[in-house]
Amino acid sequence: MARNREGGAECSCRKGGDRYVSFDGIDCDGNARRLIEFILRNVAAQGGEQPFWHYFLAKRTPKSGPPPDDLFLIHAHINQIRDFFAACGDEEAMALLVQVEEECC
């Protein structure tokens, strides 16, 4: 590490670069929206009678405060979503969930 004027080591974090370079080119928001679409599709196919999914989907449009983004909801409930997609046998949704978890969460 190089030394700065005060004699301390220079930190690359002070160079003004984007620390999230690893996310460059990954459409985390778009993939999260696709996962929500998979959830909606599977909830409808199951008859829409599962209380957890009513709760989960209602969180997208809260009665007060700002709505959370879809990626946050997916990250916060990733295990329930994984179990749901497995129970539904939705391999396409499960593959996207794994991708989002590895790339974005």
PDB file of N, CA and C in Angstrom:
ATOM      1  N   MET A   1       0.831  -1.176   0.000  1.00  0.00           N
ATOM      2  CA  MET A   1       0.000   0.000   0.000  1.00  0.00           C
ATOM      3  C   MET A   1       0.880   1.244   0.000  1.00  0.00           C
ATOM      4  N   ALA A   2       0.517   2.230  -0.758  1.00  0.00           N
ATOM      5  CA  ALA A   2       1.280   3.481  -0.813  1.00  0.00           C
ATOM      6  C   ALA A   2       1.035   4.291   0.451  1.00  0.00           C
ATOM      7  N   ARG A   3       1.977   5.163   0.750  1.00  0.00           N
ATOM      8  CA  ARG A   3       1.854   6.028   1.919  1.00  0.00           C
ATOM      9  C   ARG A   3       1.317   7.386   1.491  1.00  0.00           C
ATOM     10  N   ASN A   4       0.423   7.972   2.297  1.00  0.00           N
ATOM     11  CA  ASN A   4      -0.070   9.317   2.011  1.00  0.00           C
ATOM     12  C   ASN A   4       0.850  10.344   2.674  1.00  0.00           C
ATOM     13  N   ARG A   5       0.549  11.624   2.527  1.00  0.00           N
ATOM     14  CA  ARG A   5       1.400  12.694   3.061  1.00  0.00           C
ATOM     15  C   ARG A   5       1.586  12.620   4.569  1.00  0.00           C
ATOM     16  N   GLU A   6       0.574  12.149   5.277  1.00  0.00           N
ATOM     17  CA  GLU A   6       0.657  12.083   6.730  1.00  0.00           C
ATOM     18  C   GLU A   6       1.419  10.856   7.196  1.00  0.00           C
ATOM     19  N   GLY A   7       1.878  10.022   6.283  1.00  0.00           N
ATOM     20  CA  GLY A   7       2.648   8.848   6.651  1.00  0.00           C
ATOM     21  C   GLY A   7       1.821   7.582   6.795  1.00  0.00           C
ATOM     22  N   GLY A   8       0.507   7.698   6.704  1.00  0.00           N
ATOM     23  CA  GLY A   8      -0.349   6.526   6.793  1.00  0.00           C
ATOM     24  C   GLY A   8      -0.530   5.865   5.437  1.00  0.00           C
ATOM     25  N   ALA A   9      -1.014   4.679   5.435  1.00  0.00           N
ATOM     26  CA  ALA A   9      -1.251   3.958   4.189  1.00  0.00           C
ATOM     27  C   ALA A   9      -2.451   4.555   3.462  1.00  0.00           C
ATOM     28  N   GLU A  10      -2.366   4.637   2.150  1.00  0.00           N
ATOM     29  CA  GLU A  10      -3.492   5.136   1.350  1.00  0.00           C
ATOM     30  C   GLU A  10      -4.510   4.027   1.179  1.00  0.00           C
ATOM     31  N   CYS A  11      -5.723   4.410   1.271  1.00  0.00           N
ATOM     32  CA  CYS A  11      -6.820   3.454   1.134  1.00  0.00           C
ATOM     33  C   CYS A  11      -7.468   3.643  -0.230  1.00  0.00           C
ATOM     34  N   SER A  12      -7.701   2.545  -0.938  1.00  0.00           N
ATOM     35  CA  SER A  12      -8.345   2.643  -2.249  1.00  0.00           C
ATOM     36  C   SER A  12      -9.783   3.127  -2.139  1.00  0.00           C
ATOM     37  N   CYS A  13     -10.371   3.046  -0.944  1.00  0.00           N
ATOM     38  CA  CYS A  13     -11.761   3.486  -0.754  1.00  0.00           C
ATOM     39  C   CYS A  13     -11.892   4.995  -0.892  1.00  0.00           C
ATOM     40  N   ARG A  14     -10.803   5.730  -0.842  1.00  0.00           N
ATOM     41  CA  ARG A  14     -10.849   7.186  -0.947  1.00  0.00           C
ATOM     42  C   ARG A  14     -10.652   7.673  -2.367  1.00  0.00           C
ATOM     43  N   LYS A  15     -10.578   6.783  -3.304  1.00  0.00           N
ATOM     44  CA  LYS A  15     -10.321   7.152  -4.687  1.00  0.00           C
ATOM     45  C   LYS A  15     -11.584   7.573  -5.431  1.00  0.00           C
ATOM     46  N   GLY A  16     -12.746   7.447  -4.819  1.00  0.00           N
ATOM     47  CA  GLY A  16     -13.985   7.923  -5.422  1.00  0.00           C
ATOM     48  C   GLY A  16     -14.628   6.950  -6.392  1.00  0.00           C
ATOM     49  N   GLY A  17     -14.136   5.745  -6.474  1.00  0.00           N
ATOM     50  CA  GLY A  17     -14.722   4.776  -7.385  1.00  0.00           C
ATOM     51  C   GLY A  17     -15.968   4.147  -6.815  1.00  0.00           C
ATOM     52  N   ASP A  18     -16.698   3.481  -7.664  1.00  0.00           N
ATOM     53  CA  ASP A  18     -17.913   2.792  -7.245  1.00  0.00           C
ATOM     54  C   ASP A  18     -17.517   1.473  -6.598  1.00  0.00           C
ATOM     55  N   ARG A  19     -17.866   1.308  -5.316  1.00  0.00           N
ATOM     56  CA  ARG A  19     -17.478   0.084  -4.635  1.00  0.00           C
ATOM     57  C   ARG A  19     -18.329  -1.110  -5.057  1.00  0.00           C
ATOM     58  N   TYR A  20     -19.383  -0.889  -5.805  1.00  0.00           N
ATOM     59  CA  TYR A  20     -20.258  -1.966  -6.247  1.00  0.00           C
ATOM     60  C   TYR A  20     -20.002  -2.348  -7.697  1.00  0.00           C
ATOM     61  N   VAL A  21     -18.771  -2.321  -8.109  1.00  0.00           N
ATOM     62  CA  VAL A  21     -18.420  -2.655  -9.489  1.00  0.00           C
ATOM     63  C   VAL A  21     -18.858  -4.068  -9.834  1.00  0.00           C
ATOM     64  N   SER A  22     -18.842  -4.968  -8.852  1.00  0.00           N
ATOM     65  CA  SER A  22     -19.205  -6.354  -9.137  1.00  0.00           C
ATOM     66  C   SER A  22     -20.661  -6.495  -9.578  1.00  0.00           C
ATOM     67  N   PHE A  23     -21.509  -5.495  -9.313  1.00  0.00           N
ATOM     68  CA  PHE A  23     -22.903  -5.539  -9.731  1.00  0.00           C
ATOM     69  C   PHE A  23     -23.108  -4.911 -11.107  1.00  0.00           C
ATOM     70  N   ASP A  24     -22.059  -4.375 -11.692  1.00  0.00           N
ATOM     71  CA  ASP A  24     -22.150  -3.705 -12.984  1.00  0.00           C
ATOM     72  C   ASP A  24     -22.674  -4.672 -14.049  1.00  0.00           C
ATOM     73  N   GLY A  25     -23.726  -4.273 -14.720  1.00  0.00           N
ATOM     74  CA  GLY A  25     -24.291  -5.078 -15.794  1.00  0.00           C
ATOM     75  C   GLY A  25     -25.287  -6.136 -15.344  1.00  0.00           C
ATOM     76  N   ILE A  26     -25.546  -6.246 -14.061  1.00  0.00           N
ATOM     77  CA  ILE A  26     -26.513  -7.221 -13.551  1.00  0.00           C
ATOM     78  C   ILE A  26     -27.816  -6.484 -13.282  1.00  0.00           C
ATOM     79  N   ASP A  27     -28.899  -6.970 -13.852  1.00  0.00           N
ATOM     80  CA  ASP A  27     -30.206  -6.332 -13.683  1.00  0.00           C
ATOM     81  C   ASP A  27     -30.909  -6.905 -12.453  1.00  0.00           C
ATOM     82  N   CYS A  28     -30.399  -6.558 -11.275  1.00  0.00           N
ATOM     83  CA  CYS A  28     -30.973  -7.080 -10.026  1.00  0.00           C
ATOM     84  C   CYS A  28     -32.436  -6.673  -9.875  1.00  0.00           C
ATOM     85  N   ASP A  29     -32.758  -5.413 -10.168  1.00  0.00           N
ATOM     86  CA  ASP A  29     -34.138  -4.949 -10.031  1.00  0.00           C
ATOM     87  C   ASP A  29     -35.062  -5.663 -11.016  1.00  0.00           C
ATOM     88  N   GLY A  30     -34.617  -5.811 -12.244  1.00  0.00           N
ATOM     89  CA  GLY A  30     -35.425  -6.498 -13.246  1.00  0.00           C
ATOM     90  C   GLY A  30     -35.639  -7.962 -12.899  1.00  0.00           C
ATOM     91  N   ASN A  31     -34.596  -8.620 -12.414  1.00  0.00           N
ATOM     92  CA  ASN A  31     -34.731 -10.024 -12.021  1.00  0.00           C
ATOM     93  C   ASN A  31     -35.617 -10.172 -10.787  1.00  0.00           C
ATOM     94  N   ALA A  32     -35.551  -9.209  -9.877  1.00  0.00           N
ATOM     95  CA  ALA A  32     -36.445  -9.238  -8.711  1.00  0.00           C
ATOM     96  C   ALA A  32     -37.898  -9.089  -9.156  1.00  0.00           C
ATOM     97  N   ARG A  33     -38.146  -8.200 -10.124  1.00  0.00           N
ATOM     98  CA  ARG A  33     -39.519  -8.053 -10.657  1.00  0.00           C
ATOM     99  C   ARG A  33     -39.984  -9.364 -11.292  1.00  0.00           C
ATOM    100  N   ARG A  34     -39.091 -10.029 -12.007  1.00  0.00           N
ATOM    101  CA  ARG A  34     -39.452 -11.323 -12.620  1.00  0.00           C
ATOM    102  C   ARG A  34     -39.788 -12.347 -11.545  1.00  0.00           C
ATOM    103  N   LEU A  35     -39.036 -12.343 -10.445  1.00  0.00           N
ATOM    104  CA  LEU A  35     -39.342 -13.272  -9.355  1.00  0.00           C
ATOM    105  C   LEU A  35     -40.709 -12.986  -8.754  1.00  0.00           C
ATOM    106  N   ILE A  36     -41.044 -11.716  -8.602  1.00  0.00           N
ATOM    107  CA  ILE A  36     -42.377 -11.356  -8.098  1.00  0.00           C
ATOM    108  C   ILE A  36     -43.446 -11.884  -9.057  1.00  0.00           C
ATOM    109  N   GLU A  37     -43.204 -11.772 -10.356  1.00  0.00           N
ATOM    110  CA  GLU A  37     -44.153 -12.309 -11.339  1.00  0.00           C
ATOM    111  C   GLU A  37     -44.303 -13.824 -11.184  1.00  0.00           C
ATOM    112  N   PHE A  38     -43.184 -14.534 -10.936  1.00  0.00           N
ATOM    113  CA  PHE A  38     -43.257 -15.977 -10.695  1.00  0.00           C
ATOM    114  C   PHE A  38     -44.063 -16.267  -9.429  1.00  0.00           C
ATOM    115  N   ILE A  39     -43.849 -15.479  -8.394  1.00  0.00           N
ATOM    116  CA  ILE A  39     -44.614 -15.665  -7.158  1.00  0.00           C
ATOM    117  C   ILE A  39     -46.096 -15.461  -7.425  1.00  0.00           C
ATOM    118  N   LEU A  40     -46.446 -14.368  -8.108  1.00  0.00           N
ATOM    119  CA  LEU A  40     -47.853 -14.093  -8.419  1.00  0.00           C
ATOM    120  C   LEU A  40     -48.472 -15.226  -9.224  1.00  0.00           C
ATOM    121  N   ARG A  41     -47.747 -15.699 -10.218  1.00  0.00           N
ATOM    122  CA  ARG A  41     -48.247 -16.794 -11.050  1.00  0.00           C
ATOM    123  C   ARG A  41     -48.485 -18.053 -10.223  1.00  0.00           C
ATOM    124  N   ASN A  42     -47.534 -18.391  -9.360  1.00  0.00           N
ATOM    125  CA  ASN A  42     -47.665 -19.609  -8.555  1.00  0.00           C
ATOM    126  C   ASN A  42     -48.720 -19.470  -7.465  1.00  0.00           C
ATOM    127  N   VAL A  43     -48.856 -18.284  -6.886  1.00  0.00           N
ATOM    128  CA  VAL A  43     -49.920 -18.066  -5.900  1.00  0.00           C
ATOM    129  C   VAL A  43     -51.276 -18.261  -6.568  1.00  0.00           C
ATOM    130  N   ALA A  44     -51.446 -17.697  -7.757  1.00  0.00           N
ATOM    131  CA  ALA A  44     -52.712 -17.853  -8.483  1.00  0.00           C
ATOM    132  C   ALA A  44     -52.961 -19.319  -8.821  1.00  0.00           C
ATOM    133  N   ALA A  45     -51.926 -20.047  -9.228  1.00  0.00           N
ATOM    134  CA  ALA A  45     -52.076 -21.460  -9.576  1.00  0.00           C
ATOM    135  C   ALA A  45     -52.441 -22.302  -8.356  1.00  0.00           C
ATOM    136  N   GLN A  46     -52.037 -21.857  -7.168  1.00  0.00           N
ATOM    137  CA  GLN A  46     -52.343 -22.570  -5.925  1.00  0.00           C
ATOM    138  C   GLN A  46     -53.708 -22.181  -5.360  1.00  0.00           C
ATOM    139  N   GLY A  47     -54.403 -21.281  -6.031  1.00  0.00           N
ATOM    140  CA  GLY A  47     -55.724 -20.863  -5.569  1.00  0.00           C
ATOM    141  C   GLY A  47     -55.714 -19.584  -4.743  1.00  0.00           C
ATOM    142  N   GLY A  48     -54.521 -19.044  -4.459  1.00  0.00           N
ATOM    143  CA  GLY A  48     -54.420 -17.768  -3.761  1.00  0.00           C
ATOM    144  C   GLY A  48     -54.879 -17.772  -2.325  1.00  0.00           C
ATOM    145  N   GLU A  49     -54.951 -18.924  -1.691  1.00  0.00           N
ATOM    146  CA  GLU A  49     -55.493 -19.013  -0.336  1.00  0.00           C
ATOM    147  C   GLU A  49     -54.434 -19.132   0.756  1.00  0.00           C
ATOM    148  N   GLN A  50     -53.192 -18.913   0.436  1.00  0.00           N
ATOM    149  CA  GLN A  50     -52.124 -19.061   1.432  1.00  0.00           C
ATOM    150  C   GLN A  50     -51.881 -17.721   2.134  1.00  0.00           C
ATOM    151  N   PRO A  51     -52.134 -17.655   3.442  1.00  0.00           N
ATOM    152  CA  PRO A  51     -52.030 -16.388   4.176  1.00  0.00           C
ATOM    153  C   PRO A  51     -50.670 -15.711   4.068  1.00  0.00           C
ATOM    154  N   PHE A  52     -49.578 -16.479   4.070  1.00  0.00           N
ATOM    155  CA  PHE A  52     -48.263 -15.840   4.004  1.00  0.00           C
ATOM    156  C   PHE A  52     -48.124 -15.010   2.740  1.00  0.00           C
ATOM    157  N   TRP A  53     -48.609 -15.505   1.626  1.00  0.00           N
ATOM    158  CA  TRP A  53     -48.433 -14.782   0.360  1.00  0.00           C
ATOM    159  C   TRP A  53     -49.307 -13.540   0.294  1.00  0.00           C
ATOM    160  N   HIS A  54     -50.450 -13.555   0.961  1.00  0.00           N
ATOM    161  CA  HIS A  54     -51.248 -12.322   1.093  1.00  0.00           C
ATOM    162  C   HIS A  54     -50.440 -11.282   1.873  1.00  0.00           C
ATOM    163  N   TYR A  55     -49.835 -11.721   2.970  1.00  0.00           N
ATOM    164  CA  TYR A  55     -48.985 -10.849   3.796  1.00  0.00           C
ATOM    165  C   TYR A  55     -47.811 -10.315   2.977  1.00  0.00           C
ATOM    166  N   PHE A  56     -47.113 -11.205   2.293  1.00  0.00           N
ATOM    167  CA  PHE A  56     -45.941 -10.838   1.499  1.00  0.00           C
ATOM    168  C   PHE A  56     -46.302  -9.820   0.420  1.00  0.00           C
ATOM    169  N   LEU A  57     -47.343 -10.097  -0.327  1.00  0.00           N
ATOM    170  CA  LEU A  57     -47.728  -9.209  -1.423  1.00  0.00           C
ATOM    171  C   LEU A  57     -48.271  -7.875  -0.909  1.00  0.00           C
ATOM    172  N   ALA A  58     -48.905  -7.882   0.247  1.00  0.00           N
ATOM    173  CA  ALA A  58     -49.399  -6.633   0.828  1.00  0.00           C
ATOM    174  C   ALA A  58     -48.245  -5.730   1.244  1.00  0.00           C
ATOM    175  N   LYS A  59     -47.105  -6.315   1.574  1.00  0.00           N
ATOM    176  CA  LYS A  59     -45.934  -5.517   1.954  1.00  0.00           C
ATOM    177  C   LYS A  59     -45.438  -4.660   0.788  1.00  0.00           C
ATOM    178  N   ARG A  60     -45.770  -5.042  -0.433  1.00  0.00           N
ATOM    179  CA  ARG A  60     -45.338  -4.269  -1.601  1.00  0.00           C
ATOM    180  C   ARG A  60     -46.059  -2.937  -1.697  1.00  0.00           C
ATOM    181  N   THR A  61     -47.243  -2.832  -1.104  1.00  0.00           N
ATOM    182  CA  THR A  61     -48.020  -1.588  -1.127  1.00  0.00           C
ATOM    183  C   THR A  61     -48.515  -1.291   0.287  1.00  0.00           C
ATOM    184  N   PRO A  62     -47.618  -0.835   1.160  1.00  0.00           N
ATOM    185  CA  PRO A  62     -48.004  -0.601   2.554  1.00  0.00           C
ATOM    186  C   PRO A  62     -49.006   0.543   2.689  1.00  0.00           C
ATOM    187  N   LYS A  63     -49.776   0.503   3.769  1.00  0.00           N
ATOM    188  CA  LYS A  63     -50.751   1.562   4.037  1.00  0.00           C
ATOM    189  C   LYS A  63     -50.078   2.849   4.468  1.00  0.00           C
ATOM    190  N   SER A  64     -48.866   2.753   4.988  1.00  0.00           N
ATOM    191  CA  SER A  64     -48.114   3.948   5.362  1.00  0.00           C
ATOM    192  C   SER A  64     -46.628   3.692   5.094  1.00  0.00           C
ATOM    193  N   GLY A  65     -45.914   4.750   4.904  1.00  0.00           N
ATOM    194  CA  GLY A  65     -44.482   4.654   4.655  1.00  0.00           C
ATOM    195  C   GLY A  65     -44.175   4.271   3.222  1.00  0.00           C
ATOM    196  N   PRO A  66     -42.921   4.355   2.878  1.00  0.00           N
ATOM    197  CA  PRO A  66     -42.528   4.036   1.513  1.00  0.00           C
ATOM    198  C   PRO A  66     -42.556   2.528   1.265  1.00  0.00           C
ATOM    199  N   PRO A  67     -42.908   2.124   0.071  1.00  0.00           N
ATOM    200  CA  PRO A  67     -42.905   0.696  -0.233  1.00  0.00           C
ATOM    201  C   PRO A  67     -41.471   0.189  -0.392  1.00  0.00           C
ATOM    202  N   PRO A  68     -41.199  -1.013   0.085  1.00  0.00           N
ATOM    203  CA  PRO A  68     -39.869  -1.583  -0.121  1.00  0.00           C
ATOM    204  C   PRO A  68     -39.721  -2.007  -1.579  1.00  0.00           C
ATOM    205  N   ASP A  69     -38.491  -2.056  -2.047  1.00  0.00           N
ATOM    206  CA  ASP A  69     -38.313  -2.537  -3.416  1.00  0.00           C
ATOM    207  C   ASP A  69     -38.405  -4.061  -3.432  1.00  0.00           C
ATOM    208  N   ASP A  70     -38.653  -4.594  -4.617  1.00  0.00           N
ATOM    209  CA  ASP A  70     -38.851  -6.032  -4.751  1.00  0.00           C
ATOM    210  C   ASP A  70     -37.616  -6.824  -4.328  1.00  0.00           C
ATOM    211  N   LEU A  71     -36.425  -6.327  -4.623  1.00  0.00           N
ATOM    212  CA  LEU A  71     -35.210  -7.042  -4.252  1.00  0.00           C
ATOM    213  C   LEU A  71     -35.098  -7.171  -2.731  1.00  0.00           C
ATOM    214  N   PHE A  72     -35.451  -6.117  -2.006  1.00  0.00           N
ATOM    215  CA  PHE A  72     -35.418  -6.182  -0.545  1.00  0.00           C
ATOM    216  C   PHE A  72     -36.389  -7.257  -0.040  1.00  0.00           C
ATOM    217  N   LEU A  73     -37.606  -7.274  -0.571  1.00  0.00           N
ATOM    218  CA  LEU A  73     -38.586  -8.277  -0.143  1.00  0.00           C
ATOM    219  C   LEU A  73     -38.100  -9.688  -0.433  1.00  0.00           C
ATOM    220  N   ILE A  74     -37.512  -9.878  -1.592  1.00  0.00           N
ATOM    221  CA  ILE A  74     -37.011 -11.207  -1.950  1.00  0.00           C
ATOM    222  C   ILE A  74     -35.901 -11.613  -0.987  1.00  0.00           C
ATOM    223  N   HIS A  75     -34.986 -10.690  -0.744  1.00  0.00           N
ATOM    224  CA  HIS A  75     -33.880 -10.997   0.157  1.00  0.00           C
ATOM    225  C   HIS A  75     -34.397 -11.314   1.570  1.00  0.00           C
ATOM    226  N   ALA A  76     -35.357 -10.552   2.045  1.00  0.00           N
ATOM    227  CA  ALA A  76     -35.877 -10.732   3.401  1.00  0.00           C
ATOM    228  C   ALA A  76     -36.663 -12.038   3.578  1.00  0.00           C
ATOM    229  N   HIS A  77     -37.180 -12.577   2.478  1.00  0.00           N
ATOM    230  CA  HIS A  77     -38.024 -13.779   2.565  1.00  0.00           C
ATOM    231  C   HIS A  77     -37.522 -14.893   1.650  1.00  0.00           C
ATOM    232  N   ILE A  78     -36.217 -14.928   1.419  1.00  0.00           N
ATOM    233  CA  ILE A  78     -35.672 -15.844   0.425  1.00  0.00           C
ATOM    234  C   ILE A  78     -35.935 -17.313   0.751  1.00  0.00           C
ATOM    235  N   ASN A  79     -35.901 -17.677   2.029  1.00  0.00           N
ATOM    236  CA  ASN A  79     -36.139 -19.086   2.377  1.00  0.00           C
ATOM    237  C   ASN A  79     -37.585 -19.497   2.141  1.00  0.00           C
ATOM    238  N   GLN A  80     -38.537 -18.620   2.459  1.00  0.00           N
ATOM    239  CA  GLN A  80     -39.941 -18.930   2.195  1.00  0.00           C
ATOM    240  C   GLN A  80     -40.189 -19.038   0.687  1.00  0.00           C
ATOM    241  N   ILE A  81     -39.554 -18.164  -0.069  1.00  0.00           N
ATOM    242  CA  ILE A  81     -39.726 -18.191  -1.528  1.00  0.00           C
ATOM    243  C   ILE A  81     -39.122 -19.475  -2.102  1.00  0.00           C
ATOM    244  N   ARG A  82     -37.945 -19.853  -1.607  1.00  0.00           N
ATOM    245  CA  ARG A  82     -37.306 -21.085  -2.073  1.00  0.00           C
ATOM    246  C   ARG A  82     -38.204 -22.288  -1.795  1.00  0.00           C
ATOM    247  N   ASP A  83     -38.733 -22.376  -0.583  1.00  0.00           N
ATOM    248  CA  ASP A  83     -39.624 -23.490  -0.225  1.00  0.00           C
ATOM    249  C   ASP A  83     -40.873 -23.494  -1.097  1.00  0.00           C
ATOM    250  N   PHE A  84     -41.408 -22.309  -1.372  1.00  0.00           N
ATOM    251  CA  PHE A  84     -42.616 -22.188  -2.192  1.00  0.00           C
ATOM    252  C   PHE A  84     -42.367 -22.670  -3.616  1.00  0.00           C
ATOM    253  N   PHE A  85     -41.281 -22.198  -4.231  1.00  0.00           N
ATOM    254  CA  PHE A  85     -40.977 -22.626  -5.597  1.00  0.00           C
ATOM    255  C   PHE A  85     -40.713 -24.127  -5.655  1.00  0.00           C
ATOM    256  N   ALA A  86     -40.057 -24.670  -4.626  1.00  0.00           N
ATOM    257  CA  ALA A  86     -39.811 -26.120  -4.581  1.00  0.00           C
ATOM    258  C   ALA A  86     -41.134 -26.881  -4.487  1.00  0.00           C
ATOM    259  N   ALA A  87     -42.040 -26.405  -3.620  1.00  0.00           N
ATOM    260  CA  ALA A  87     -43.343 -27.058  -3.471  1.00  0.00           C
ATOM    261  C   ALA A  87     -44.165 -26.980  -4.752  1.00  0.00           C
ATOM    262  N   CYS A  88     -43.999 -25.884  -5.493  1.00  0.00           N
ATOM    263  CA  CYS A  88     -44.723 -25.703  -6.756  1.00  0.00           C
ATOM    264  C   CYS A  88     -44.065 -26.466  -7.902  1.00  0.00           C
ATOM    265  N   GLY A  89     -42.836 -26.888  -7.705  1.00  0.00           N
ATOM    266  CA  GLY A  89     -42.104 -27.570  -8.779  1.00  0.00           C
ATOM    267  C   GLY A  89     -41.719 -26.631  -9.906  1.00  0.00           C
ATOM    268  N   ASP A  90     -41.563 -25.357  -9.609  1.00  0.00           N
ATOM    269  CA  ASP A  90     -41.246 -24.351 -10.626  1.00  0.00           C
ATOM    270  C   ASP A  90     -39.729 -24.205 -10.734  1.00  0.00           C
ATOM    271  N   GLU A  91     -39.140 -24.999 -11.608  1.00  0.00           N
ATOM    272  CA  GLU A  91     -37.685 -25.025 -11.769  1.00  0.00           C
ATOM    273  C   GLU A  91     -37.144 -23.727 -12.369  1.00  0.00           C
ATOM    274  N   GLU A  92     -37.886 -23.120 -13.273  1.00  0.00           N
ATOM    275  CA  GLU A  92     -37.450 -21.860 -13.873  1.00  0.00           C
ATOM    276  C   GLU A  92     -37.370 -20.756 -12.813  1.00  0.00           C
ATOM    277  N   ALA A  93     -38.393 -20.686 -11.969  1.00  0.00           N
ATOM    278  CA  ALA A  93     -38.403 -19.695 -10.888  1.00  0.00           C
ATOM    279  C   ALA A  93     -37.283 -19.986  -9.890  1.00  0.00           C
ATOM    280  N   MET A  94     -37.073 -21.245  -9.567  1.00  0.00           N
ATOM    281  CA  MET A  94     -36.022 -21.615  -8.621  1.00  0.00           C
ATOM    282  C   MET A  94     -34.646 -21.247  -9.171  1.00  0.00           C
ATOM    283  N   ALA A  95     -34.422 -21.481 -10.452  1.00  0.00           N
ATOM    284  CA  ALA A  95     -33.132 -21.128 -11.060  1.00  0.00           C
ATOM    285  C   ALA A  95     -32.894 -19.621 -10.992  1.00  0.00           C
ATOM    286  N   LEU A  96     -33.927 -18.838 -11.255  1.00  0.00           N
ATOM    287  CA  LEU A  96     -33.784 -17.386 -11.184  1.00  0.00           C
ATOM    288  C   LEU A  96     -33.556 -16.950  -9.735  1.00  0.00           C
ATOM    289  N   LEU A  97     -34.223 -17.577  -8.791  1.00  0.00           N
ATOM    290  CA  LEU A  97     -34.030 -17.242  -7.380  1.00  0.00           C
ATOM    291  C   LEU A  97     -32.583 -17.493  -6.959  1.00  0.00           C
ATOM    292  N   VAL A  98     -32.024 -18.615  -7.349  1.00  0.00           N
ATOM    293  CA  VAL A  98     -30.633 -18.936  -7.025  1.00  0.00           C
ATOM    294  C   VAL A  98     -29.705 -17.895  -7.656  1.00  0.00           C
ATOM    295  N   GLN A  99     -29.987 -17.536  -8.905  1.00  0.00           N
ATOM    296  CA  GLN A  99     -29.177 -16.525  -9.591  1.00  0.00           C
ATOM    297  C   GLN A  99     -29.222 -15.181  -8.854  1.00  0.00           C
ATOM    298  N   VAL A 100     -30.418 -14.756  -8.481  1.00  0.00           N
ATOM    299  CA  VAL A 100     -30.571 -13.475  -7.780  1.00  0.00           C
ATOM    300  C   VAL A 100     -29.884 -13.527  -6.418  1.00  0.00           C
ATOM    301  N   GLU A 101     -30.023 -14.642  -5.731  1.00  0.00           N
ATOM    302  CA  GLU A 101     -29.370 -14.769  -4.428  1.00  0.00           C
ATOM    303  C   GLU A 101     -27.854 -14.662  -4.567  1.00  0.00           C
ATOM    304  N   GLU A 102     -27.293 -15.298  -5.565  1.00  0.00           N
ATOM    305  CA  GLU A 102     -25.836 -15.287  -5.748  1.00  0.00           C
ATOM    306  C   GLU A 102     -25.329 -13.955  -6.278  1.00  0.00           C
ATOM    307  N   GLU A 103     -26.077 -13.323  -7.161  1.00  0.00           N
ATOM    308  CA  GLU A 103     -25.616 -12.096  -7.801  1.00  0.00           C
ATOM    309  C   GLU A 103     -25.991 -10.815  -7.064  1.00  0.00           C
ATOM    310  N   CYS A 104     -27.119 -10.833  -6.350  1.00  0.00           N
ATOM    311  CA  CYS A 104     -27.676  -9.558  -5.876  1.00  0.00           C
ATOM    312  C   CYS A 104     -27.919  -9.469  -4.370  1.00  0.00           C
ATOM    313  N   CYS A 105     -28.010 -10.567  -3.674  1.00  0.00           N
ATOM    314  CA  CYS A 105     -28.377 -10.497  -2.245  1.00  0.00           C
ATOM    315  C   CYS A 105     -27.166 -10.504  -1.339  1.00  0.00           C
TER     316      CYS A 105
END
